[in-house]
Amino acid sequence: QVQLVESGGGLVQAGGSLRLSCAVSGRPFSIYAMAWFRQAPGKEREFVAGVSRSGDNTYYADSVKGRFTISRDNAKNTVYLQMNNLRPEDTAVYYCAADRTPAQWRVGITRREYDDWGQGTQVTVSS
């Protein structure tokens, strides 16, 4: 059983930055492609950013492209989401997700492609 634990959320003013972390344990980290999703009140959970097993491939939602950066440190079993120039519309609970895939290059962008999820961390951006 794999465990995912997010941290780094909080309250920030518009234009500010936060860095989310997701620590993975229980299974070899390198077998998972990783992603961040978010869910705002009353809305569906949506894809934010993803990174392949090797870290060579990344993919971003259009709404965060150029502002957010996903990265992974396979030695620390951790995936990060650096969020810059935050906007009020980025307010949501952010979830870390893991996709156990044999493909080194694969980055899934839909919820059903991910097998395991963290509990989420709240990000609130004030205007």
Foldseek 3Di string as FASTA:
>chain_A
DKAKAKDWADEEAAQAKIKMKIAMDDDQLLQWKKFKWWDDPPDDIFGAKTAFSVRPDMDGDPVQPPFWDWGDDSVRRMIMIIGGRDDQVVWTWMKMFIARDPDRGDTDGDPVRTDDIHPTDTHGYHD
